[in-house]
Amino acid sequence: MENKRRRVPALAPEERRAALIAATIPLLHEHGVDVSTRQIAQAAGVAEGTIFGVFDTKTSLVVCSVIKALDPEPTLAALAAIDRDRPLRERLTRAAELIHARFAENAQIMAAARKLVMTGDASGHMVSNREALHNALTDVIAPGADELRRSPAAVASLLLLFCGANTYGPFGDPDNFSGEETASLLLDGLLIRRGTH
């Protein structure tokens, strides 16, 4: 008995586009930009030629998938949910946990993004996402501005810089930097303070 591929119902172009992007994102996590159109078609349950009915090139599909995968909205919503009445250290700890988790989850996608030539809309989306994340972090930190010797925006930049380097850099060690440790590093530094009154 012949094993036939299950037929996928016809979709409108925008629905087909969204379905192909949804099928591509997990493959980017696994294979990076080296994912093949054959793998994408198989994951989406369509013929390989179907991809080119809605995307001009494999690269355009990969770029759209990277943009979708790196959508900051879930992280922005979680940052917005942090209670601004909590002490600064608690807010910063929770924010660091969220940023660490986002960077760790998207490490392979970010590596894929770096391999792509991000131009036009893709580049604009990436810049917009970074700005939105920075602004959301600044908003979490702002109620404690009078406790800091740097502006909330500068502290947000330092947190993003540290989390990014810790996730993607050659000296990173994400397992040893919890949100609490990261907040302490930013707020307390590394010196042991003895006998302070």
N, C-alpha and C. Protein backbone atom coordinates (compact mmCIF):
# COMPACT_ATOMS: atom_id res chain seq x y z
N MET A 1 0.85 -1.20 0.00
CA MET A 1 0.00 0.00 0.00
C MET A 1 0.88 1.25 0.00
N GLU A 2 0.60 2.16 -0.90
CA GLU A 2 1.41 3.36 -1.06
C GLU A 2 1.15 4.34 0.07
N ASN A 3 2.23 4.92 0.58
CA ASN A 3 2.12 5.88 1.68
C ASN A 3 2.01 7.28 1.10
N LYS A 4 0.82 7.85 1.08
CA LYS A 4 0.61 9.18 0.49
C LYS A 4 0.70 10.26 1.55
N ARG A 5 1.25 11.40 1.12
CA ARG A 5 1.34 12.54 2.02
C ARG A 5 -0.07 13.10 2.25
N ARG A 6 -0.35 13.45 3.48
CA ARG A 6 -1.65 14.03 3.82
C ARG A 6 -1.82 15.37 3.10
N ARG A 7 -2.94 15.54 2.44
CA ARG A 7 -3.20 16.79 1.73
C ARG A 7 -3.58 17.88 2.72
N VAL A 8 -2.99 19.04 2.53
CA VAL A 8 -3.27 20.18 3.39
C VAL A 8 -4.31 21.03 2.68
N PRO A 9 -5.36 21.45 3.39
CA PRO A 9 -6.38 22.27 2.72
C PRO A 9 -5.79 23.58 2.19
N ALA A 10 -6.38 24.05 1.11
CA ALA A 10 -5.92 25.31 0.51
C ALA A 10 -6.12 26.46 1.50
N LEU A 11 -5.13 27.33 1.57
CA LEU A 11 -5.20 28.48 2.47
C LEU A 11 -5.06 29.76 1.66
N ALA A 12 -5.60 30.83 2.19
CA ALA A 12 -5.40 32.14 1.59
C ALA A 12 -3.91 32.47 1.70
N PRO A 13 -3.37 33.32 0.80
CA PRO A 13 -1.93 33.61 0.82
C PRO A 13 -1.39 34.05 2.19
N GLU A 14 -2.12 34.92 2.90
CA GLU A 14 -1.63 35.38 4.21
C GLU A 14 -1.63 34.25 5.23
N GLU A 15 -2.63 33.37 5.16
CA GLU A 15 -2.66 32.22 6.07
C GLU A 15 -1.53 31.25 5.73
N ARG A 16 -1.29 31.03 4.43
CA ARG A 16 -0.20 30.15 4.00
C ARG A 16 1.14 30.73 4.46
N ARG A 17 1.28 32.04 4.31
CA ARG A 17 2.51 32.73 4.73
C ARG A 17 2.74 32.52 6.23
N ALA A 18 1.70 32.73 7.04
CA ALA A 18 1.80 32.56 8.49
C ALA A 18 2.12 31.11 8.85
N ALA A 19 1.51 30.15 8.12
CA ALA A 19 1.76 28.73 8.39
C ALA A 19 3.20 28.35 8.07
N LEU A 20 3.74 28.89 6.99
CA LEU A 20 5.13 28.60 6.62
C LEU A 20 6.10 29.20 7.64
N ILE A 21 5.80 30.40 8.09
CA ILE A 21 6.64 31.04 9.12
C ILE A 21 6.60 30.21 10.40
N ALA A 22 5.40 29.79 10.81
CA ALA A 22 5.25 28.98 12.03
C ALA A 22 6.01 27.66 11.91
N ALA A 23 6.03 27.06 10.73
CA ALA A 23 6.76 25.81 10.53
C ALA A 23 8.27 26.04 10.51
N THR A 24 8.70 27.21 10.07
CA THR A 24 10.13 27.51 9.93
C THR A 24 10.79 27.82 11.26
N ILE A 25 10.09 28.49 12.18
CA ILE A 25 10.71 28.93 13.44
C ILE A 25 11.35 27.78 14.23
N PRO A 26 10.65 26.66 14.46
CA PRO A 26 11.32 25.57 15.20
C PRO A 26 12.54 25.02 14.46
N LEU A 27 12.49 25.04 13.13
CA LEU A 27 13.62 24.56 12.34
C LEU A 27 14.82 25.50 12.46
N LEU A 28 14.56 26.80 12.59
CA LEU A 28 15.65 27.76 12.81
C LEU A 28 16.31 27.52 14.16
N HIS A 29 15.52 27.18 15.17
CA HIS A 29 16.08 26.85 16.49
C HIS A 29 17.01 25.65 16.38
N GLU A 30 16.62 24.69 15.54
CA GLU A 30 17.38 23.45 15.40
C GLU A 30 18.56 23.55 14.43
N HIS A 31 18.33 24.17 13.27
CA HIS A 31 19.32 24.15 12.20
C HIS A 31 19.93 25.51 11.87
N GLY A 32 19.39 26.59 12.42
CA GLY A 32 19.85 27.92 12.03
C GLY A 32 19.46 28.21 10.59
N VAL A 33 20.20 29.09 9.93
CA VAL A 33 19.85 29.49 8.57
C VAL A 33 20.17 28.41 7.54
N ASP A 34 20.79 27.33 7.98
CA ASP A 34 21.09 26.23 7.06
C ASP A 34 19.88 25.33 6.82
N VAL A 35 18.75 25.65 7.41
CA VAL A 35 17.53 24.88 7.16
C VAL A 35 17.23 24.90 5.66
N SER A 36 16.76 23.78 5.14
CA SER A 36 16.49 23.70 3.70
C SER A 36 15.00 23.93 3.43
N THR A 37 14.69 24.31 2.21
CA THR A 37 13.28 24.48 1.83
C THR A 37 12.57 23.13 1.88
N ARG A 38 13.29 22.05 1.62
CA ARG A 38 12.68 20.72 1.72
C ARG A 38 12.23 20.44 3.15
N GLN A 39 13.10 20.79 4.14
CA GLN A 39 12.74 20.59 5.55
C GLN A 39 11.54 21.45 5.93
N ILE A 40 11.54 22.69 5.44
CA ILE A 40 10.42 23.60 5.75
C ILE A 40 9.13 23.06 5.15
N ALA A 41 9.18 22.64 3.89
CA ALA A 41 7.99 22.11 3.22
C ALA A 41 7.46 20.88 3.94
N GLN A 42 8.37 20.01 4.34
CA GLN A 42 7.96 18.79 5.06
C GLN A 42 7.30 19.15 6.39
N ALA A 43 7.89 20.09 7.13
CA ALA A 43 7.32 20.49 8.42
C ALA A 43 5.96 21.15 8.25
N ALA A 44 5.79 21.88 7.14
CA ALA A 44 4.52 22.57 6.89
C ALA A 44 3.49 21.68 6.21
N GLY A 45 3.93 20.51 5.73
CA GLY A 45 3.00 19.59 5.06
C GLY A 45 2.58 20.08 3.68
N VAL A 46 3.52 20.73 2.97
CA VAL A 46 3.22 21.25 1.63
C VAL A 46 4.32 20.83 0.66
N ALA A 47 4.06 21.03 -0.62
CA ALA A 47 5.10 20.81 -1.62
C ALA A 47 6.11 21.94 -1.54
N GLU A 48 7.36 21.64 -1.87
CA GLU A 48 8.42 22.64 -1.78
C GLU A 48 8.10 23.89 -2.61
N GLY A 49 7.49 23.70 -3.78
CA GLY A 49 7.14 24.82 -4.64
C GLY A 49 6.14 25.78 -4.02
N THR A 50 5.35 25.29 -3.06
CA THR A 50 4.36 26.13 -2.39
C THR A 50 5.03 27.30 -1.68
N ILE A 51 6.22 27.06 -1.17
CA ILE A 51 6.95 28.12 -0.46
C ILE A 51 7.12 29.33 -1.37
N PHE A 52 7.49 29.05 -2.63
CA PHE A 52 7.80 30.14 -3.56
C PHE A 52 6.56 30.76 -4.18
N GLY A 53 5.40 30.23 -3.81
CA GLY A 53 4.15 30.87 -4.20
C GLY A 53 3.83 32.07 -3.32
N VAL A 54 4.43 32.09 -2.11
CA VAL A 54 4.17 33.20 -1.18
C VAL A 54 5.43 33.95 -0.74
N PHE A 55 6.61 33.36 -0.97
CA PHE A 55 7.88 34.02 -0.67
C PHE A 55 8.74 34.00 -1.92
N ASP A 56 9.40 35.12 -2.20
CA ASP A 56 10.25 35.19 -3.39
C ASP A 56 11.46 34.27 -3.28
N THR A 57 12.04 34.19 -2.08
CA THR A 57 13.24 33.39 -1.86
C THR A 57 13.17 32.73 -0.50
N LYS A 58 14.03 31.73 -0.32
CA LYS A 58 14.15 31.11 1.01
C LYS A 58 14.60 32.15 2.03
N THR A 59 15.51 33.03 1.62
CA THR A 59 16.01 34.06 2.54
C THR A 59 14.88 34.95 3.04
N SER A 60 13.96 35.32 2.15
CA SER A 60 12.85 36.19 2.61
C SER A 60 11.97 35.46 3.62
N LEU A 61 11.77 34.15 3.44
CA LEU A 61 11.02 33.36 4.42
C LEU A 61 11.78 33.30 5.74
N VAL A 62 13.09 33.07 5.68
CA VAL A 62 13.90 32.99 6.90
C VAL A 62 13.90 34.33 7.63
N VAL A 63 14.06 35.42 6.90
CA VAL A 63 14.05 36.75 7.53
C VAL A 63 12.71 37.00 8.23
N CYS A 64 11.60 36.72 7.55
CA CYS A 64 10.28 36.91 8.17
C CYS A 64 10.11 36.03 9.39
N SER A 65 10.66 34.82 9.34
CA SER A 65 10.56 33.89 10.48
C SER A 65 11.39 34.37 11.66
N VAL A 66 12.58 34.91 11.37
CA VAL A 66 13.43 35.45 12.44
C VAL A 66 12.73 36.64 13.11
N ILE A 67 12.14 37.51 12.30
CA ILE A 67 11.42 38.67 12.85
C ILE A 67 10.29 38.21 13.76
N LYS A 68 9.52 37.22 13.30
CA LYS A 68 8.40 36.71 14.10
C LYS A 68 8.91 36.06 15.39
N ALA A 69 9.97 35.25 15.28
CA ALA A 69 10.51 34.55 16.46
C ALA A 69 11.05 35.52 17.50
N LEU A 70 11.59 36.63 17.03
CA LEU A 70 12.18 37.61 17.95
C LEU A 70 11.20 38.71 18.36
N ASP A 71 9.93 38.52 18.07
CA ASP A 71 8.91 39.48 18.48
C ASP A 71 9.01 39.68 19.99
N PRO A 72 9.24 40.89 20.45
CA PRO A 72 9.46 41.11 21.89
C PRO A 72 8.17 41.16 22.71
N GLU A 73 7.02 41.07 22.09
CA GLU A 73 5.76 41.32 22.80
C GLU A 73 5.58 40.48 24.07
N PRO A 74 5.85 39.16 24.07
CA PRO A 74 5.68 38.41 25.33
C PRO A 74 6.58 38.93 26.45
N THR A 75 7.81 39.28 26.13
CA THR A 75 8.73 39.81 27.14
C THR A 75 8.29 41.20 27.59
N LEU A 76 7.85 42.03 26.65
CA LEU A 76 7.36 43.37 27.01
C LEU A 76 6.17 43.28 27.94
N ALA A 77 5.26 42.33 27.67
CA ALA A 77 4.09 42.16 28.54
C ALA A 77 4.52 41.71 29.94
N ALA A 78 5.48 40.81 30.01
CA ALA A 78 5.96 40.34 31.32
C ALA A 78 6.66 41.45 32.09
N LEU A 79 7.44 42.28 31.38
CA LEU A 79 8.08 43.42 32.03
C LEU A 79 7.04 44.42 32.53
N ALA A 80 6.01 44.65 31.72
CA ALA A 80 4.95 45.60 32.11
C ALA A 80 4.19 45.11 33.34
N ALA A 81 4.17 43.79 33.54
CA ALA A 81 3.42 43.21 34.68
C ALA A 81 4.19 43.30 35.99
N ILE A 82 5.45 43.68 35.95
CA ILE A 82 6.23 43.81 37.19
C ILE A 82 5.67 44.96 38.02
N ASP A 83 5.36 44.68 39.26
CA ASP A 83 4.76 45.67 40.16
C ASP A 83 5.78 46.78 40.46
N ARG A 84 5.45 47.99 40.03
CA ARG A 84 6.36 49.12 40.20
C ARG A 84 6.48 49.57 41.66
N ASP A 85 5.60 49.07 42.52
CA ASP A 85 5.68 49.41 43.93
C ASP A 85 6.65 48.52 44.71
N ARG A 86 7.10 47.44 44.08
CA ARG A 86 8.08 46.56 44.72
C ARG A 86 9.43 47.28 44.79
N PRO A 87 10.31 46.89 45.71
CA PRO A 87 11.64 47.53 45.79
C PRO A 87 12.43 47.35 44.48
N LEU A 88 13.30 48.30 44.23
CA LEU A 88 14.10 48.29 43.00
C LEU A 88 14.83 46.96 42.80
N ARG A 89 15.44 46.43 43.85
CA ARG A 89 16.19 45.17 43.72
C ARG A 89 15.28 44.04 43.24
N GLU A 90 14.08 43.95 43.76
CA GLU A 90 13.14 42.90 43.33
C GLU A 90 12.74 43.10 41.87
N ARG A 91 12.46 44.35 41.51
CA ARG A 91 12.07 44.63 40.12
C ARG A 91 13.20 44.29 39.16
N LEU A 92 14.42 44.68 39.53
CA LEU A 92 15.58 44.43 38.67
C LEU A 92 15.88 42.93 38.57
N THR A 93 15.71 42.21 39.68
CA THR A 93 15.91 40.75 39.67
C THR A 93 14.94 40.09 38.70
N ARG A 94 13.67 40.46 38.78
CA ARG A 94 12.67 39.86 37.88
C ARG A 94 12.95 40.25 36.44
N ALA A 95 13.31 41.49 36.20
CA ALA A 95 13.62 41.94 34.83
C ALA A 95 14.81 41.16 34.28
N ALA A 96 15.84 40.96 35.10
CA ALA A 96 17.01 40.20 34.65
C ALA A 96 16.64 38.76 34.32
N GLU A 97 15.77 38.15 35.13
CA GLU A 97 15.32 36.79 34.84
C GLU A 97 14.62 36.72 33.48
N LEU A 98 13.77 37.70 33.21
CA LEU A 98 13.04 37.73 31.94
C LEU A 98 13.98 37.92 30.75
N ILE A 99 14.95 38.81 30.90
CA ILE A 99 15.88 39.07 29.80
C ILE A 99 16.79 37.87 29.57
N HIS A 100 17.30 37.28 30.66
CA HIS A 100 18.12 36.07 30.52
C HIS A 100 17.33 34.97 29.79
N ALA A 101 16.08 34.76 30.20
CA ALA A 101 15.26 33.71 29.59
C ALA A 101 15.03 33.99 28.10
N ARG A 102 14.74 35.25 27.77
CA ARG A 102 14.51 35.61 26.36
C ARG A 102 15.76 35.36 25.53
N PHE A 103 16.91 35.79 26.03
CA PHE A 103 18.15 35.62 25.27
C PHE A 103 18.50 34.14 25.13
N ALA A 104 18.35 33.37 26.22
CA ALA A 104 18.69 31.94 26.16
C ALA A 104 17.77 31.21 25.18
N GLU A 105 16.48 31.53 25.23
CA GLU A 105 15.51 30.86 24.35
C GLU A 105 15.79 31.17 22.88
N ASN A 106 16.28 32.37 22.61
CA ASN A 106 16.46 32.80 21.22
C ASN A 106 17.91 32.77 20.76
N ALA A 107 18.80 32.09 21.49
CA ALA A 107 20.22 32.10 21.14
C ALA A 107 20.46 31.61 19.71
N GLN A 108 19.84 30.50 19.33
CA GLN A 108 20.05 29.95 17.99
C GLN A 108 19.46 30.89 16.93
N ILE A 109 18.31 31.49 17.23
CA ILE A 109 17.68 32.42 16.29
C ILE A 109 18.57 33.66 16.11
N MET A 110 19.15 34.15 17.21
CA MET A 110 20.03 35.31 17.11
C MET A 110 21.28 34.98 16.28
N ALA A 111 21.79 33.77 16.43
CA ALA A 111 22.92 33.35 15.62
C ALA A 111 22.52 33.33 14.15
N ALA A 112 21.30 32.88 13.88
CA ALA A 112 20.79 32.87 12.51
C ALA A 112 20.66 34.30 11.99
N ALA A 113 20.16 35.18 12.84
CA ALA A 113 19.98 36.58 12.43
C ALA A 113 21.31 37.23 12.07
N ARG A 114 22.35 36.88 12.83
CA ARG A 114 23.66 37.46 12.55
C ARG A 114 24.21 36.99 11.21
N LYS A 115 23.84 35.77 10.80
CA LYS A 115 24.33 35.23 9.53
C LYS A 115 23.63 35.87 8.34
N LEU A 116 22.44 36.40 8.58
CA LEU A 116 21.66 37.01 7.49
C LEU A 116 22.11 38.44 7.26
N VAL A 117 21.97 38.88 6.07
CA VAL A 117 22.17 40.30 5.77
C VAL A 117 20.82 40.96 6.04
N MET A 118 20.74 41.63 7.19
CA MET A 118 19.45 42.19 7.61
C MET A 118 19.31 43.60 7.04
N THR A 119 18.52 43.73 6.01
CA THR A 119 18.32 45.02 5.37
C THR A 119 16.83 45.34 5.31
N GLY A 120 16.53 46.57 4.96
CA GLY A 120 15.14 46.98 4.75
C GLY A 120 14.27 46.77 5.96
N ASP A 121 13.10 46.15 5.77
CA ASP A 121 12.14 45.93 6.84
C ASP A 121 12.73 45.12 7.98
N ALA A 122 13.51 44.11 7.66
CA ALA A 122 14.07 43.25 8.70
C ALA A 122 14.95 44.05 9.64
N SER A 123 15.81 44.87 9.09
CA SER A 123 16.69 45.69 9.91
C SER A 123 15.87 46.63 10.79
N GLY A 124 14.85 47.24 10.22
CA GLY A 124 13.98 48.14 10.97
C GLY A 124 13.28 47.44 12.12
N HIS A 125 12.81 46.20 11.87
CA HIS A 125 12.14 45.43 12.92
C HIS A 125 13.10 45.13 14.07
N MET A 126 14.33 44.76 13.72
CA MET A 126 15.30 44.41 14.75
C MET A 126 15.62 45.62 15.62
N VAL A 127 15.80 46.77 15.00
CA VAL A 127 16.08 48.01 15.74
C VAL A 127 14.88 48.36 16.61
N SER A 128 13.69 48.25 16.06
CA SER A 128 12.46 48.56 16.79
C SER A 128 12.29 47.63 18.00
N ASN A 129 12.58 46.34 17.82
CA ASN A 129 12.49 45.39 18.93
C ASN A 129 13.46 45.74 20.05
N ARG A 130 14.69 46.07 19.68
CA ARG A 130 15.69 46.44 20.69
C ARG A 130 15.26 47.69 21.45
N GLU A 131 14.74 48.68 20.74
CA GLU A 131 14.29 49.91 21.38
C GLU A 131 13.12 49.64 22.33
N ALA A 132 12.19 48.80 21.89
CA ALA A 132 11.03 48.48 22.73
C ALA A 132 11.47 47.77 24.01
N LEU A 133 12.40 46.84 23.89
CA LEU A 133 12.90 46.12 25.05
C LEU A 133 13.64 47.07 26.00
N HIS A 134 14.46 47.94 25.44
CA HIS A 134 15.19 48.92 26.25
C HIS A 134 14.23 49.86 26.98
N ASN A 135 13.22 50.35 26.26
CA ASN A 135 12.24 51.26 26.87
C ASN A 135 11.46 50.57 27.98
N ALA A 136 11.08 49.30 27.77
CA ALA A 136 10.32 48.57 28.80
C ALA A 136 11.18 48.35 30.05
N LEU A 137 12.44 48.03 29.87
CA LEU A 137 13.34 47.87 31.01
C LEU A 137 13.54 49.20 31.75
N THR A 138 13.72 50.26 30.99
CA THR A 138 13.90 51.59 31.59
C THR A 138 12.69 51.94 32.45
N ASP A 139 11.49 51.57 31.97
CA ASP A 139 10.26 51.85 32.71
C ASP A 139 10.21 51.06 34.02
N VAL A 140 10.73 49.82 34.01
CA VAL A 140 10.77 49.01 35.23
C VAL A 140 11.71 49.65 36.27
N ILE A 141 12.82 50.22 35.80
CA ILE A 141 13.86 50.77 36.68
C ILE A 141 13.54 52.19 37.15
N ALA A 142 12.82 52.95 36.34
CA ALA A 142 12.59 54.39 36.58
C ALA A 142 12.08 54.75 37.97
N PRO A 143 11.15 53.98 38.59
CA PRO A 143 10.70 54.37 39.93
C PRO A 143 11.81 54.40 40.98
N GLY A 144 12.95 53.78 40.70
CA GLY A 144 14.06 53.80 41.65
C GLY A 144 15.19 54.71 41.23
N ALA A 145 14.91 55.65 40.34
CA ALA A 145 15.96 56.52 39.78
C ALA A 145 16.74 57.25 40.86
N ASP A 146 16.07 57.64 41.95
CA ASP A 146 16.76 58.40 43.00
C ASP A 146 17.73 57.53 43.81
N GLU A 147 17.70 56.21 43.62
CA GLU A 147 18.62 55.30 44.31
C GLU A 147 19.86 55.00 43.47
N LEU A 148 19.89 55.46 42.24
CA LEU A 148 20.94 55.08 41.29
C LEU A 148 21.85 56.25 40.95
N ARG A 149 23.13 55.96 40.72
CA ARG A 149 24.05 57.02 40.29
C ARG A 149 24.10 57.14 38.77
N ARG A 150 23.44 56.24 38.07
CA ARG A 150 23.29 56.33 36.61
C ARG A 150 21.81 56.40 36.30
N SER A 151 21.48 56.92 35.13
CA SER A 151 20.07 57.05 34.75
C SER A 151 19.43 55.67 34.56
N PRO A 152 18.11 55.56 34.71
CA PRO A 152 17.43 54.29 34.45
C PRO A 152 17.72 53.75 33.05
N ALA A 153 17.82 54.63 32.06
CA ALA A 153 18.12 54.18 30.69
C ALA A 153 19.51 53.57 30.62
N ALA A 154 20.49 54.16 31.32
CA ALA A 154 21.85 53.62 31.33
C ALA A 154 21.89 52.27 32.04
N VAL A 155 21.14 52.14 33.14
CA VAL A 155 21.09 50.86 33.86
C VAL A 155 20.44 49.80 32.98
N ALA A 156 19.39 50.17 32.25
CA ALA A 156 18.74 49.23 31.32
C ALA A 156 19.73 48.78 30.25
N SER A 157 20.52 49.71 29.73
CA SER A 157 21.53 49.36 28.73
C SER A 157 22.56 48.39 29.30
N LEU A 158 23.00 48.63 30.53
CA LEU A 158 23.98 47.75 31.17
C LEU A 158 23.40 46.35 31.39
N LEU A 159 22.14 46.28 31.79
CA LEU A 159 21.50 44.98 32.00
C LEU A 159 21.43 44.21 30.68
N LEU A 160 21.00 44.88 29.62
CA LEU A 160 20.92 44.22 28.31
C LEU A 160 22.30 43.80 27.82
N LEU A 161 23.28 44.67 28.02
CA LEU A 161 24.65 44.37 27.62
C LEU A 161 25.17 43.14 28.34
N PHE A 162 24.98 43.10 29.66
CA PHE A 162 25.47 41.96 30.43
C PHE A 162 24.74 40.68 30.02
N CYS A 163 23.41 40.72 29.95
CA CYS A 163 22.65 39.51 29.59
C CYS A 163 23.02 39.02 28.19
N GLY A 164 23.19 39.95 27.26
CA GLY A 164 23.57 39.56 25.91
C GLY A 164 24.95 38.93 25.87
N ALA A 165 25.91 39.56 26.52
CA ALA A 165 27.27 39.02 26.54
C ALA A 165 27.31 37.69 27.28
N ASN A 166 26.53 37.57 28.33
CA ASN A 166 26.51 36.33 29.10
C ASN A 166 25.89 35.19 28.30
N THR A 167 24.95 35.51 27.43
CA THR A 167 24.30 34.48 26.61
C THR A 167 25.10 34.15 25.36
N TYR A 168 25.58 35.18 24.68
CA TYR A 168 26.18 34.98 23.35
C TYR A 168 27.70 35.08 23.34
N GLY A 169 28.30 35.66 24.36
CA GLY A 169 29.74 35.91 24.35
C GLY A 169 30.56 34.67 24.70
N PRO A 170 31.83 34.68 24.35
CA PRO A 170 32.69 33.51 24.59
C PRO A 170 32.96 33.24 26.07
N PHE A 171 32.76 34.24 26.93
CA PHE A 171 33.00 34.05 28.36
C PHE A 171 31.71 33.92 29.15
N GLY A 172 30.59 33.79 28.47
CA GLY A 172 29.30 33.72 29.14
C GLY A 172 29.14 32.45 29.97
N ASP A 173 28.36 32.56 31.01
CA ASP A 173 28.07 31.42 31.90
C ASP A 173 26.66 31.61 32.46
N PRO A 174 25.64 31.46 31.60
CA PRO A 174 24.27 31.75 32.02
C PRO A 174 23.80 30.98 33.25
N ASP A 175 24.33 29.78 33.47
CA ASP A 175 23.88 28.98 34.62
C ASP A 175 24.31 29.58 35.95
N ASN A 176 25.35 30.40 35.95
CA ASN A 176 25.85 30.96 37.20
C ASN A 176 25.42 32.40 37.43
N PHE A 177 24.55 32.93 36.59
CA PHE A 177 24.08 34.29 36.80
C PHE A 177 22.55 34.31 36.78
N SER A 178 21.98 34.12 37.95
CA SER A 178 20.53 34.20 38.10
C SER A 178 20.11 35.66 38.00
N GLY A 179 18.82 35.89 37.98
CA GLY A 179 18.32 37.26 38.00
C GLY A 179 18.79 38.00 39.24
N GLU A 180 18.79 37.30 40.37
CA GLU A 180 19.22 37.92 41.64
C GLU A 180 20.70 38.30 41.59
N GLU A 181 21.53 37.40 41.04
CA GLU A 181 22.97 37.67 40.95
C GLU A 181 23.24 38.82 39.99
N THR A 182 22.50 38.85 38.89
CA THR A 182 22.68 39.94 37.92
C THR A 182 22.28 41.27 38.52
N ALA A 183 21.15 41.30 39.25
CA ALA A 183 20.72 42.53 39.91
C ALA A 183 21.77 42.98 40.93
N SER A 184 22.32 42.03 41.69
CA SER A 184 23.34 42.36 42.68
C SER A 184 24.59 42.91 42.01
N LEU A 185 24.97 42.31 40.89
CA LEU A 185 26.14 42.80 40.16
C LEU A 185 25.96 44.25 39.75
N LEU A 186 24.77 44.58 39.26
CA LEU A 186 24.49 45.95 38.83
C LEU A 186 24.35 46.91 40.01
N LEU A 187 23.70 46.48 41.06
CA LEU A 187 23.41 47.39 42.17
C LEU A 187 24.53 47.46 43.21
N ASP A 188 25.24 46.35 43.42
CA ASP A 188 26.24 46.30 44.49
C ASP A 188 27.68 46.25 43.98
N GLY A 189 27.87 45.91 42.73
CA GLY A 189 29.23 45.72 42.22
C GLY A 189 29.81 44.43 42.75
N LEU A 190 31.12 44.35 42.80
CA LEU A 190 31.81 43.12 43.20
C LEU A 190 32.62 43.25 44.50
N LEU A 191 32.69 44.44 45.05
CA LEU A 191 33.48 44.61 46.27
C LEU A 191 32.72 44.10 47.49
N ILE A 192 33.43 43.45 48.40
CA ILE A 192 32.85 43.07 49.69
C ILE A 192 32.95 44.29 50.58
N ARG A 193 31.84 44.73 51.13
CA ARG A 193 31.83 45.90 52.01
C ARG A 193 31.86 45.43 53.45
N ARG A 194 32.95 45.71 54.12
CA ARG A 194 33.11 45.26 55.52
C ARG A 194 32.93 46.46 56.47
N GLY A 195 32.23 46.23 57.52
CA GLY A 195 32.12 47.22 58.59
C GLY A 195 31.52 48.56 58.16
N THR A 196 30.59 48.53 57.20
CA THR A 196 29.95 49.80 56.83
C THR A 196 28.82 50.07 57.81
N HIS A 197 28.69 51.31 58.20
CA HIS A 197 27.64 51.69 59.19
C HIS A 197 26.74 52.72 58.57
